[in-house]
Amino acid sequence: MTLPGGVTLIDLRPAELRLREPLSGLTSLPVLAVTLDAIEDGTHGLSADLGPLVVICERGARSGLAARYLQADGLQASAYPGGVPALRRELDRGGAATEDNPG
């Protein structure tokens, strides 16, 4: 999946995984760390002014659920299929867009 410019990445991974491999090191797109619990509870603090949201987790399983919750909250959200490993592969191929590389 190509990441279009203008999206905000929502990182669902636990803190230790975010620290080990920050998404900001993989892309220049804005990244916000939010827990699935906060999304489920509606306490995530995300708003439409962030633009389209792309939710990513470690393997891709939880991001789909989180994207559906965010859509139910009226936000434009989608899940990144395959999680961080898929994003890494896409970036290695030069296919994922960032603000610096519009694809």
Foldseek 3Di string as FASTA:
>chain_A
DAAAEQEEEEEAEDPVVCVVPPCVVVAVHHYDYFHLVCLVVVNRPDDQVSPEYEYAYAAFPCRQVSQVSVVVVVHRYYYDHGGPVVSVVCVVVVRYAHPVRRD
